[in-house]
Amino acid sequence: MSLKLLKNARIVDGTATEPTEPMNIVIEYGKFRDVGPNVTADTDDVIDLKDLTVLPGLIDCHVHVIATTANLGLNASLPSSLIAARSSLLMRSMVMRGFTTVRDLGGADRGLQQAVDEGAFVGPRLVICGKALSQTGGHTDYRGPYDNKSAAWYDQSLGAMGRISDGVPDVQRAVREEIKNGAQFVKAMADGGISSPSDPVGYLVFSVDELKAMVEIAKGFGTYATGHLYTDEAIVRALDCGFECIEHGNLIADDTIARIAKDGIPVVPTNITYDLLARKGAEFGLPPESVAKVSDVREAGLERLDKMHEAGVLMGYGSDLLGGMQTEQSGEFPLRGRYIPSDAVIRSATVDAAKVLRMEGQIGTIAPGAFADVVAVDGNPLENLDLLTGQGAHMPLIMKDGIAIKKAASL
């Protein structure tokens, strides 16, 4: 039946420090139709959520659904059919943790997106950038110093997070191709990274002209460019070139925090990935040279989190986990909760995350017209963020587009 009624829902979306009074929620054709204490509907499809807390479907603003191993060089060499099969399992696990929308920052293509939309794969709604852009020797170029094979094979490998582009014409072509292929925004590796061999953090990849070319093409198509960025110098450089979002941002300076707060530039911190990489990266296949880079950004990222919150920076929830580490996707909730208030942590995965994705009013909220994504929780996550962890163990109901992905027998 297309018409559903959820009763006695005490809603938490991070915009208040306490749950609402019990609300009734009417769902019709996959969207919220009415929300209020006295609304009702003529339907036999009724779920009573008394004694539960109800959240909008959670949003992770930084995932890699094709990263089936932390060894991304190996991942890029695997058959695309195997990557797709493994990706379907990763995405199913994500939605079973309550993440009904995720923003993929490199690798997921229109085919995976369509497989979810058609129901061939059970998973969250995918927002994609296609392949991230990197330069020769930059982040996502996993060829070592004695590996001289052509970089062109990255373009066709589903397991490759990015593609290699050098020079303004090549960058322009790459951006146009990714958008033509279904990319909804542009992602550039505008700094060095952890997982690739030849690009230390702070490595100013791409020229200014190349970065400006990405922004120009993205804006021409009505979208934006975001950047993989750690150091303040790289962040300022990208902002000056017109980038409109920052991924990671671990080493951002106070002056730049003030600038992005004033300009409304969002940041997507991904602290859980560094916490895990430092402790277990080698176990999950991360090469030793990559493990050694983690300490440069781990503690600074957590300290900057507090600074950005105080400054009023718009922050989205991000995990950025790879391979077997993706089981810890929800660990960012309690980790952030050690530094900023729980309502702000939850808001980063609901209302604020929707702003990062430029989907305000569509996701991250329980309001008329939005997609009917719902997560019901045993207990109040404002008091205990651990209730959002445990692989969905505390979530008796998970709905996406008004359809129950998970529903406890007691409901």
Protein backbone atom coordinates (compact mmCIF):
# COMPACT_ATOMS: atom_id res chain seq x y z
CA MET A 1 0.00 0.00 0.00
CA SER A 2 1.32 3.48 -0.90
CA LEU A 3 -0.21 5.13 2.19
CA LYS A 4 1.39 4.56 5.61
CA LEU A 5 0.94 6.05 9.07
CA LEU A 6 3.68 6.17 11.69
CA LYS A 7 2.28 6.99 15.13
CA ASN A 8 3.81 8.45 18.31
CA ALA A 9 7.14 9.39 16.75
CA ARG A 10 9.39 11.48 18.99
CA ILE A 11 11.58 13.10 16.34
CA VAL A 12 15.28 13.96 16.65
CA ASP A 13 17.06 15.61 13.72
CA GLY A 14 19.80 17.57 15.51
CA THR A 15 18.02 20.93 15.36
CA ALA A 16 17.02 20.75 19.05
CA THR A 17 18.53 19.37 22.24
CA GLU A 18 15.44 17.30 23.09
CA PRO A 19 13.14 15.04 21.06
CA THR A 20 9.81 16.48 19.92
CA GLU A 21 6.55 15.55 21.55
CA PRO A 22 4.93 12.47 19.91
CA MET A 23 4.12 13.12 16.26
CA ASN A 24 2.19 11.23 13.62
CA ILE A 25 3.76 10.90 10.19
CA VAL A 26 1.85 10.18 6.99
CA ILE A 27 3.80 8.67 4.10
CA GLU A 28 2.44 8.55 0.57
CA TYR A 29 4.19 7.34 -2.57
CA GLY A 30 7.58 7.28 -0.88
CA LYS A 31 7.48 10.80 0.53
CA PHE A 32 6.30 12.44 3.74
CA ARG A 33 2.83 13.89 3.21
CA ASP A 34 1.95 15.22 6.66
CA VAL A 35 3.71 15.51 10.02
CA GLY A 36 2.03 16.65 13.24
CA PRO A 37 0.63 15.56 16.59
CA ASN A 38 -2.91 15.05 15.25
CA VAL A 39 -2.48 14.12 11.59
CA THR A 40 -3.92 10.81 10.45
CA ALA A 41 -4.64 8.77 7.33
CA ASP A 42 -7.22 6.25 6.20
CA THR A 43 -4.93 3.24 5.98
CA ASP A 44 -4.43 -0.16 7.56
CA ASP A 45 -0.65 0.19 7.26
CA VAL A 46 0.09 1.67 10.69
CA ILE A 47 3.29 1.40 12.75
CA ASP A 48 3.27 2.53 16.38
CA LEU A 49 6.67 3.97 17.34
CA LYS A 50 5.84 4.57 21.01
CA ASP A 51 8.94 4.41 23.26
CA LEU A 52 11.26 4.88 20.26
CA THR A 53 13.15 7.91 19.00
CA VAL A 54 12.73 8.65 15.29
CA LEU A 55 15.41 10.21 13.08
CA PRO A 56 15.45 11.07 9.39
CA GLY A 57 17.45 8.56 7.39
CA LEU A 58 21.14 9.18 8.14
CA ILE A 59 23.48 10.70 5.54
CA ASP A 60 27.19 9.95 5.13
CA CYS A 61 28.77 12.72 3.07
CA HIS A 62 32.03 10.88 2.30
CA VAL A 63 32.13 7.20 1.38
CA HIS A 64 33.79 4.96 -1.21
CA VAL A 65 31.41 2.13 -2.04
CA ILE A 66 33.90 0.58 -4.47
CA ALA A 67 36.75 0.44 -1.92
CA THR A 68 36.55 -3.27 -1.19
CA THR A 69 40.06 -3.34 0.31
CA ALA A 70 42.24 -0.71 1.94
CA ASN A 71 44.92 -1.53 -0.61
CA LEU A 72 43.50 0.74 -3.28
CA GLY A 73 46.18 -0.13 -5.82
CA LEU A 74 45.09 -3.77 -5.61
CA ASN A 75 41.43 -2.71 -5.64
CA ALA A 76 41.95 -0.87 -8.93
CA SER A 77 43.34 -4.03 -10.54
CA LEU A 78 40.39 -6.29 -9.64
CA PRO A 79 37.73 -7.20 -12.24
CA SER A 80 34.88 -4.70 -12.35
CA SER A 81 32.36 -7.53 -12.00
CA LEU A 82 33.94 -8.55 -8.68
CA ILE A 83 34.05 -4.93 -7.49
CA ALA A 84 30.34 -4.51 -8.29
CA ALA A 85 29.42 -7.67 -6.39
CA ARG A 86 31.46 -6.66 -3.34
CA SER A 87 30.14 -3.10 -3.56
CA SER A 88 26.57 -4.38 -3.35
CA LEU A 89 27.41 -6.00 -0.01
CA LEU A 90 29.07 -2.84 1.30
CA MET A 91 26.06 -0.74 0.32
CA ARG A 92 23.60 -3.16 1.89
CA SER A 93 25.52 -2.95 5.15
CA MET A 94 25.45 0.85 4.99
CA VAL A 95 21.67 1.06 4.72
CA MET A 96 21.30 -1.54 7.48
CA ARG A 97 23.21 0.88 9.74
CA GLY A 98 20.59 3.53 9.00
CA PHE A 99 22.42 5.43 6.24
CA THR A 100 19.77 5.94 3.59
CA THR A 101 21.80 8.44 1.52
CA VAL A 102 25.55 8.47 0.91
CA ARG A 103 27.77 10.75 -1.14
CA ASP A 104 30.48 8.80 -2.93
CA LEU A 105 33.76 10.70 -3.29
CA GLY A 106 35.40 8.66 -5.99
CA GLY A 107 34.66 5.45 -7.83
CA ALA A 108 30.92 4.80 -7.83
CA ASP A 109 29.45 5.17 -11.30
CA ARG A 110 26.01 5.60 -12.83
CA GLY A 111 25.66 1.82 -13.15
CA LEU A 112 25.89 1.27 -9.38
CA GLN A 113 23.57 4.21 -8.81
CA GLN A 114 21.04 2.78 -11.24
CA ALA A 115 21.33 -0.71 -9.70
CA VAL A 116 20.26 0.77 -6.35
CA ASP A 117 17.50 2.89 -7.90
CA GLU A 118 16.07 -0.14 -9.71
CA GLY A 119 16.28 -2.38 -6.64
CA ALA A 120 18.87 -4.74 -8.13
CA PHE A 121 21.11 -3.81 -5.17
CA VAL A 122 19.78 -2.95 -1.72
CA GLY A 123 21.60 0.16 -0.60
CA PRO A 124 21.46 3.85 0.21
CA ARG A 125 20.60 6.57 -2.28
CA LEU A 126 23.87 7.34 -4.08
CA VAL A 127 25.12 10.85 -4.88
CA ILE A 128 28.22 10.48 -7.06
CA CYS A 129 31.15 12.40 -8.50
CA GLY A 130 32.24 9.55 -10.76
CA LYS A 131 36.00 9.24 -10.69
CA ALA A 132 38.01 11.74 -8.67
CA LEU A 133 40.55 13.75 -10.63
CA SER A 134 44.23 13.25 -9.87
CA GLN A 135 47.46 14.18 -11.60
CA THR A 136 50.33 11.86 -12.45
CA GLY A 137 51.94 10.97 -9.11
CA GLY A 138 49.02 12.42 -7.16
CA HIS A 139 46.51 10.86 -4.81
CA THR A 140 44.80 7.84 -6.47
CA ASP A 141 47.82 7.23 -8.72
CA TYR A 142 48.86 3.92 -7.17
CA ARG A 143 51.73 3.20 -9.54
CA GLY A 144 55.03 3.01 -7.71
CA PRO A 145 58.39 4.33 -8.97
CA TYR A 146 59.06 1.19 -11.06
CA ASP A 147 55.56 0.85 -12.46
CA ASN A 148 55.42 2.58 -15.83
CA LYS A 149 52.17 1.19 -17.21
CA SER A 150 49.81 3.71 -18.74
CA ALA A 151 47.44 5.53 -16.42
CA ALA A 152 44.64 5.22 -18.99
CA TRP A 153 43.50 1.88 -17.56
CA TYR A 154 42.26 3.69 -14.44
CA ASP A 155 39.51 5.29 -16.55
CA GLN A 156 37.78 1.97 -17.23
CA SER A 157 38.40 0.19 -13.92
CA LEU A 158 35.42 0.30 -11.56
CA GLY A 159 37.80 -0.42 -8.68
CA ALA A 160 39.86 2.70 -9.38
CA MET A 161 38.87 5.63 -7.20
CA GLY A 162 40.18 8.22 -9.62
CA ARG A 163 41.56 9.02 -13.05
CA ILE A 164 44.74 10.78 -14.11
CA SER A 165 44.61 14.15 -15.88
CA ASP A 166 47.54 16.42 -16.68
CA GLY A 167 47.28 19.89 -18.17
CA VAL A 168 44.30 22.19 -18.64
CA PRO A 169 42.85 20.57 -21.81
CA ASP A 170 43.09 17.10 -20.26
CA VAL A 171 41.47 18.30 -17.03
CA GLN A 172 38.66 20.00 -18.96
CA ARG A 173 38.01 16.84 -20.93
CA ALA A 174 38.03 14.67 -17.79
CA VAL A 175 35.52 16.88 -15.98
CA ARG A 176 33.21 16.96 -18.99
CA GLU A 177 33.42 13.19 -19.38
CA GLU A 178 32.64 12.52 -15.72
CA ILE A 179 29.61 14.83 -15.79
CA LYS A 180 28.48 13.31 -19.08
CA ASN A 181 28.75 9.90 -17.42
CA GLY A 182 26.48 10.92 -14.54
CA ALA A 183 28.66 12.76 -12.03
CA GLN A 184 26.60 15.17 -9.90
CA PHE A 185 29.61 17.18 -8.71
CA VAL A 186 33.37 17.25 -9.31
CA LYS A 187 35.98 15.94 -6.88
CA ALA A 188 39.69 16.76 -7.18
CA MET A 189 42.61 15.34 -5.25
CA ALA A 190 43.95 18.81 -4.50
CA ASP A 191 46.47 17.68 -1.84
CA GLY A 192 48.57 14.63 -1.15
CA GLY A 193 47.01 11.66 0.59
CA ILE A 194 47.42 8.69 2.89
CA SER A 195 46.67 5.68 0.71
CA SER A 196 48.85 6.36 -2.36
CA PRO A 197 52.64 6.00 -2.55
CA SER A 198 54.13 9.14 -4.10
CA ASP A 199 52.19 12.13 -2.74
CA PRO A 200 53.01 13.31 0.78
CA VAL A 201 50.41 15.32 2.66
CA GLY A 202 50.99 18.97 1.76
CA TYR A 203 51.93 18.15 -1.83
CA LEU A 204 50.40 20.95 -3.93
CA VAL A 205 48.97 18.86 -6.73
CA PHE A 206 47.61 20.37 -9.93
CA SER A 207 48.47 23.87 -11.09
CA VAL A 208 46.30 26.85 -10.27
CA ASP A 209 45.14 26.95 -13.90
CA GLU A 210 44.15 23.28 -13.75
CA LEU A 211 42.16 23.82 -10.55
CA LYS A 212 40.41 26.87 -12.02
CA ALA A 213 39.56 24.86 -15.14
CA MET A 214 37.79 22.22 -13.02
CA VAL A 215 35.75 24.88 -11.26
CA GLU A 216 34.83 26.64 -14.51
CA ILE A 217 33.54 23.46 -16.16
CA ALA A 218 31.69 22.34 -13.02
CA LYS A 219 29.95 25.70 -12.64
CA GLY A 220 29.12 25.70 -16.33
CA PHE A 221 27.21 22.47 -15.77
CA GLY A 222 25.42 23.96 -12.74
CA THR A 223 27.37 22.11 -10.10
CA TYR A 224 30.48 22.56 -7.93
CA ALA A 225 33.97 21.29 -7.22
CA THR A 226 35.08 19.82 -3.92
CA GLY A 227 38.61 18.96 -2.92
CA HIS A 228 40.50 16.31 -1.00
CA LEU A 229 42.43 18.74 1.20
CA TYR A 230 44.52 18.54 4.37
CA THR A 231 46.98 21.43 4.74
CA ASP A 232 46.00 25.06 5.12
CA GLU A 233 48.10 26.12 2.14
CA ALA A 234 46.34 23.62 -0.13
CA ILE A 235 42.92 24.60 1.27
CA VAL A 236 43.47 28.34 0.72
CA ARG A 237 44.75 27.66 -2.79
CA ALA A 238 41.65 25.63 -3.65
CA LEU A 239 39.31 28.24 -2.16
CA ASP A 240 41.01 30.97 -4.17
CA CYS A 241 40.38 28.87 -7.29
CA GLY A 242 36.66 28.65 -6.53
CA PHE A 243 36.25 25.29 -4.77
CA GLU A 244 33.02 25.20 -2.78
CA CYS A 245 33.57 22.30 -0.37
CA ILE A 246 36.45 20.85 1.66
CA GLU A 247 36.90 17.14 2.35
CA HIS A 248 38.92 16.29 5.51
CA GLY A 249 40.46 19.70 6.37
CA ASN A 250 42.60 18.29 9.19
CA LEU A 251 45.32 20.96 9.09
CA ILE A 252 43.19 24.03 8.40
CA ALA A 253 44.32 27.25 10.14
CA ASP A 254 42.21 29.47 12.39
CA ASP A 255 42.09 32.30 9.84
CA THR A 256 40.84 29.94 7.15
CA ILE A 257 38.21 28.53 9.52
CA ALA A 258 36.93 32.08 10.01
CA ARG A 259 36.92 32.61 6.24
CA ILE A 260 34.91 29.49 5.41
CA ALA A 261 32.47 30.12 8.27
CA LYS A 262 31.82 33.61 6.84
CA ASP A 263 31.53 32.34 3.26
CA GLY A 264 29.39 29.31 4.10
CA ILE A 265 31.87 26.78 2.70
CA PRO A 266 31.09 23.29 4.06
CA VAL A 267 33.67 20.88 5.44
CA VAL A 268 33.35 17.11 5.69
CA PRO A 269 35.70 15.84 8.43
CA THR A 270 36.43 12.10 8.36
CA ASN A 271 38.12 11.45 11.68
CA ILE A 272 37.10 7.82 12.18
CA THR A 273 39.21 6.71 9.23
CA TYR A 274 42.44 8.06 10.76
CA ASP A 275 41.60 6.58 14.14
CA LEU A 276 41.19 3.15 12.58
CA LEU A 277 44.09 3.45 10.14
CA ALA A 278 46.44 4.29 12.99
CA ARG A 279 45.32 1.25 14.98
CA LYS A 280 44.48 -1.33 12.34
CA GLY A 281 45.49 -0.06 8.91
CA ALA A 282 48.08 -2.78 8.33
CA GLU A 283 45.58 -5.49 9.28
CA PHE A 284 43.24 -4.28 6.56
CA GLY A 285 45.87 -4.16 3.82
CA LEU A 286 47.08 -0.56 3.97
CA PRO A 287 50.73 -0.42 2.83
CA PRO A 288 53.35 0.50 5.51
CA GLU A 289 54.26 3.81 3.84
CA SER A 290 50.59 4.85 4.07
CA VAL A 291 50.25 3.83 7.73
CA ALA A 292 53.25 6.04 8.47
CA LYS A 293 51.43 9.12 7.11
CA VAL A 294 48.42 8.81 9.42
CA SER A 295 49.96 10.46 12.49
CA ASP A 296 50.42 13.69 10.51
CA VAL A 297 46.68 14.29 10.37
CA ARG A 298 45.01 12.20 13.08
CA GLU A 299 45.16 14.35 16.22
CA ALA A 300 45.03 17.65 14.34
CA GLY A 301 41.75 16.67 12.72
CA LEU A 302 40.03 16.15 16.06
CA GLU A 303 41.35 19.42 17.47
CA ARG A 304 40.16 21.29 14.35
CA LEU A 305 36.71 19.72 14.72
CA ASP A 306 36.14 21.63 17.94
CA LYS A 307 37.47 24.86 16.41
CA MET A 308 35.18 24.60 13.40
CA HIS A 309 32.15 23.92 15.57
CA GLU A 310 32.89 26.99 17.69
CA ALA A 311 33.21 29.11 14.53
CA GLY A 312 29.88 27.91 13.14
CA VAL A 313 31.29 26.06 10.13
CA LEU A 314 28.77 23.89 8.28
CA MET A 315 30.05 20.33 8.77
CA GLY A 316 28.79 17.14 7.19
CA TYR A 317 29.19 13.64 8.59
CA GLY A 318 31.91 11.66 6.80
CA SER A 319 33.54 8.28 7.32
CA ASP A 320 35.86 7.69 4.30
CA LEU A 321 36.54 4.09 5.35
CA LEU A 322 38.07 1.45 3.12
CA GLY A 323 37.56 -2.28 2.76
CA GLY A 324 36.91 -4.19 5.96
CA MET A 325 37.12 -0.99 7.98
CA GLN A 326 33.72 0.09 6.62
CA THR A 327 32.02 -1.81 9.45
CA GLU A 328 33.08 1.14 11.64
CA GLN A 329 31.13 3.69 9.56
CA SER A 330 28.95 4.69 12.53
CA GLY A 331 31.97 5.15 14.80
CA GLU A 332 32.24 8.78 13.71
CA PHE A 333 29.18 9.54 15.88
CA PRO A 334 30.71 8.81 19.33
CA LEU A 335 34.15 9.99 18.18
CA ARG A 336 32.80 13.44 17.29
CA GLY A 337 30.66 13.38 20.42
CA ARG A 338 33.83 13.56 22.53
CA TYR A 339 34.49 17.04 21.10
CA ILE A 340 31.18 18.66 20.13
CA PRO A 341 27.57 18.42 21.43
CA SER A 342 25.49 15.41 20.44
CA ASP A 343 22.84 17.51 18.69
CA ALA A 344 25.54 18.98 16.43
CA VAL A 345 26.88 15.50 15.70
CA ILE A 346 23.43 14.25 14.71
CA ARG A 347 22.74 17.40 12.68
CA SER A 348 25.90 16.73 10.67
CA ALA A 349 24.26 13.50 9.44
CA THR A 350 20.81 14.99 8.83
CA VAL A 351 19.94 18.64 8.16
CA ASP A 352 23.51 19.87 7.69
CA ALA A 353 24.45 16.87 5.55
CA ALA A 354 21.52 17.66 3.26
CA LYS A 355 22.96 21.15 2.81
CA VAL A 356 26.37 19.71 1.93
CA LEU A 357 24.69 17.53 -0.72
CA ARG A 358 22.58 20.49 -1.88
CA MET A 359 19.45 18.45 -1.22
CA GLU A 360 17.81 20.55 1.51
CA GLY A 361 14.18 19.66 1.98
CA GLN A 362 14.62 16.33 0.19
CA ILE A 363 16.65 14.34 2.71
CA GLY A 364 17.82 14.73 6.31
CA THR A 365 14.45 15.92 7.54
CA ILE A 366 11.02 14.54 8.42
CA ALA A 367 8.87 17.14 6.72
CA PRO A 368 6.25 17.22 3.96
CA GLY A 369 7.75 16.68 0.51
CA ALA A 370 10.96 15.00 1.66
CA PHE A 371 11.85 11.41 0.81
CA ALA A 372 10.32 9.14 3.46
CA ASP A 373 13.58 7.95 5.01
CA VAL A 374 13.17 6.98 8.67
CA VAL A 375 15.34 5.42 11.37
CA ALA A 376 13.69 4.42 14.66
CA VAL A 377 16.06 3.98 17.61
CA ASP A 378 15.69 2.21 20.96
CA GLY A 379 16.49 5.07 23.34
CA ASN A 380 17.55 8.68 22.86
CA PRO A 381 20.73 9.20 20.77
CA LEU A 382 20.97 12.78 22.05
CA GLU A 383 21.86 11.18 25.38
CA ASN A 384 23.86 8.26 23.99
CA LEU A 385 25.38 8.45 20.51
CA ASP A 386 26.44 4.80 20.79
CA LEU A 387 22.82 3.95 19.99
CA LEU A 388 23.67 4.87 16.38
CA THR A 389 26.45 2.26 16.26
CA GLY A 390 26.42 -1.54 16.48
CA GLN A 391 25.53 -2.26 12.83
CA GLY A 392 21.96 -1.08 13.37
CA ALA A 393 21.43 -3.27 16.44
CA HIS A 394 19.49 -0.46 18.17
CA MET A 395 17.39 0.36 15.09
CA PRO A 396 14.19 -1.73 14.96
CA LEU A 397 12.93 0.19 11.91
CA ILE A 398 14.81 1.50 8.89
CA MET A 399 12.81 2.92 5.98
CA LYS A 400 13.97 4.32 2.66
CA ASP A 401 11.47 5.95 0.31
CA GLY A 402 8.71 4.74 2.59
CA ILE A 403 9.70 1.08 2.25
CA ALA A 404 10.89 -0.85 5.30
CA ILE A 405 14.43 -2.11 4.71
CA LYS A 406 14.36 -3.47 8.27
CA LYS A 407 11.35 -3.92 10.53
CA ALA A 408 11.39 -5.69 13.89
CA ALA A 409 8.67 -8.25 14.52
CA SER A 410 7.51 -6.18 17.50
CA LEU A 411 6.44 -3.29 15.26
